Amino acid sequence: MSSELSSNSQMKIAPTVSDLVTIIQKKRSLVKSDRSLLVAISGIDGSGKGYVTEQIAQETNIRGLKAMQRATRS
């Protein structure tokens, strides 16, 4: 964060894909090995859900966890 921010302002920084996958790994460690962990991504049309999902799945697979993507429309 910039040191130029005033003491009254707060800046929210979105988590990185790496941060999200670390959270997923921690949650996965709490689930029995014969069970699955469901991670859902939601947002408005054109917000980048597919892109973010692809990035998370790739990083998850790189880290040795099996990930699959499935898009649904409601």
C-alpha atoms as a PDB file:
ATOM      1  CA  MET A   1       0.000   0.000   0.000  1.00  0.00           C
ATOM      2  CA  SER A   2       1.060   3.528  -0.631  1.00  0.00           C
ATOM      3  CA  SER A   3       2.489   5.491   2.253  1.00  0.00           C
ATOM      4  CA  GLU A   4       0.687   8.499   0.814  1.00  0.00           C
ATOM      5  CA  LEU A   5      -2.708   7.259   2.020  1.00  0.00           C
ATOM      6  CA  SER A   6      -4.192   9.384   4.758  1.00  0.00           C
ATOM      7  CA  SER A   7      -4.855   7.798   8.125  1.00  0.00           C
ATOM      8  CA  ASN A   8      -8.622   8.048   7.491  1.00  0.00           C
ATOM      9  CA  SER A   9      -8.639   6.162   4.189  1.00  0.00           C
ATOM     10  CA  GLN A  10      -8.603   2.406   3.845  1.00  0.00           C
ATOM     11  CA  MET A  11      -7.563   0.515   0.752  1.00  0.00           C
ATOM     12  CA  LYS A  12      -8.959  -2.958   0.123  1.00  0.00           C
ATOM     13  CA  ILE A  13      -6.701  -5.146  -1.946  1.00  0.00           C
ATOM     14  CA  ALA A  14      -8.249  -8.167  -3.640  1.00  0.00           C
ATOM     15  CA  PRO A  15      -6.649 -11.533  -2.899  1.00  0.00           C
ATOM     16  CA  THR A  16      -4.417 -13.005  -5.580  1.00  0.00           C
ATOM     17  CA  VAL A  17      -5.052 -16.371  -7.229  1.00  0.00           C
ATOM     18  CA  SER A  18      -2.223 -17.735  -5.095  1.00  0.00           C
ATOM     19  CA  ASP A  19      -3.941 -16.436  -1.940  1.00  0.00           C
ATOM     20  CA  LEU A  20      -7.216 -18.071  -2.972  1.00  0.00           C
ATOM     21  CA  VAL A  21      -5.573 -21.413  -3.724  1.00  0.00           C
ATOM     22  CA  THR A  22      -3.828 -21.331  -0.340  1.00  0.00           C
ATOM     23  CA  ILE A  23      -7.233 -20.885   1.299  1.00  0.00           C
ATOM     24  CA  ILE A  24      -8.634 -23.743  -0.803  1.00  0.00           C
ATOM     25  CA  GLN A  25      -5.714 -25.977   0.251  1.00  0.00           C
ATOM     26  CA  LYS A  26      -6.353 -25.208   3.929  1.00  0.00           C
ATOM     27  CA  LYS A  27     -10.069 -25.937   3.585  1.00  0.00           C
ATOM     28  CA  ARG A  28      -9.322 -29.131   1.641  1.00  0.00           C
ATOM     29  CA  SER A  29      -7.113 -30.388   4.463  1.00  0.00           C
ATOM     30  CA  LEU A  30     -10.177 -30.295   6.740  1.00  0.00           C
ATOM     31  CA  VAL A  31     -12.204 -32.593   4.456  1.00  0.00           C
ATOM     32  CA  LYS A  32     -11.902 -36.396   4.477  1.00  0.00           C
ATOM     33  CA  SER A  33      -9.785 -37.673   1.590  1.00  0.00           C
ATOM     34  CA  ASP A  34     -12.696 -39.637   0.115  1.00  0.00           C
ATOM     35  CA  ARG A  35     -14.816 -36.475  -0.061  1.00  0.00           C
ATOM     36  CA  SER A  36     -14.721 -33.443  -2.362  1.00  0.00           C
ATOM     37  CA  LEU A  37     -14.501 -29.745  -1.686  1.00  0.00           C
ATOM     38  CA  LEU A  38     -16.805 -27.532  -3.743  1.00  0.00           C
ATOM     39  CA  VAL A  39     -15.601 -24.030  -4.582  1.00  0.00           C
ATOM     40  CA  ALA A  40     -18.108 -21.728  -6.287  1.00  0.00           C
ATOM     41  CA  ILE A  41     -17.399 -18.527  -8.196  1.00  0.00           C
ATOM     42  CA  SER A  42     -20.286 -16.141  -8.812  1.00  0.00           C
ATOM     43  CA  GLY A  43     -20.690 -12.742 -10.406  1.00  0.00           C
ATOM     44  CA  ILE A  44     -22.467 -10.779 -13.073  1.00  0.00           C
ATOM     45  CA  ASP A  45     -22.093 -11.552 -16.780  1.00  0.00           C
ATOM     46  CA  GLY A  46     -18.729 -10.489 -18.161  1.00  0.00           C
ATOM     47  CA  SER A  47     -17.099 -10.102 -14.743  1.00  0.00           C
ATOM     48  CA  GLY A  48     -14.331 -12.630 -15.427  1.00  0.00           C
ATOM     49  CA  LYS A  49     -15.678 -15.665 -13.572  1.00  0.00           C
ATOM     50  CA  GLY A  50     -14.457 -18.061 -16.232  1.00  0.00           C
ATOM     51  CA  TYR A  51     -10.998 -16.505 -16.329  1.00  0.00           C
ATOM     52  CA  VAL A  52     -10.627 -16.522 -12.551  1.00  0.00           C
ATOM     53  CA  THR A  53     -11.925 -20.096 -12.356  1.00  0.00           C
ATOM     54  CA  GLU A  54      -9.407 -21.223 -14.974  1.00  0.00           C
ATOM     55  CA  GLN A  55      -6.543 -19.531 -13.124  1.00  0.00           C
ATOM     56  CA  ILE A  56      -7.575 -21.083  -9.793  1.00  0.00           C
ATOM     57  CA  ALA A  57      -7.924 -24.545 -11.361  1.00  0.00           C
ATOM     58  CA  GLN A  58      -4.491 -24.309 -13.012  1.00  0.00           C
ATOM     59  CA  GLU A  59      -2.779 -23.206  -9.788  1.00  0.00           C
ATOM     60  CA  THR A  60      -4.635 -25.851  -7.780  1.00  0.00           C
ATOM     61  CA  ASN A  61      -3.486 -28.576 -10.180  1.00  0.00           C
ATOM     62  CA  ILE A  62       0.096 -27.256 -10.093  1.00  0.00           C
ATOM     63  CA  ARG A  63       0.029 -27.615  -6.313  1.00  0.00           C
ATOM     64  CA  GLY A  64      -1.009 -31.246  -6.631  1.00  0.00           C
ATOM     65  CA  LEU A  65      -4.712 -31.016  -5.914  1.00  0.00           C
ATOM     66  CA  LYS A  66      -7.152 -32.300  -8.492  1.00  0.00           C
ATOM     67  CA  ALA A  67      -9.431 -29.549  -9.797  1.00  0.00           C
ATOM     68  CA  MET A  68     -12.148 -29.566 -12.400  1.00  0.00           C
ATOM     69  CA  GLN A  69     -14.264 -26.786 -13.824  1.00  0.00           C
ATOM     70  CA  ARG A  70     -17.933 -26.874 -14.589  1.00  0.00           C
ATOM     71  CA  ALA A  71     -19.903 -23.889 -15.804  1.00  0.00           C
ATOM     72  CA  THR A  72     -23.632 -23.697 -15.183  1.00  0.00           C
ATOM     73  CA  ARG A  73     -26.251 -21.120 -16.002  1.00  0.00           C
ATOM     74  CA  SER A  74     -29.257 -20.417 -13.855  1.00  0.00           C
END
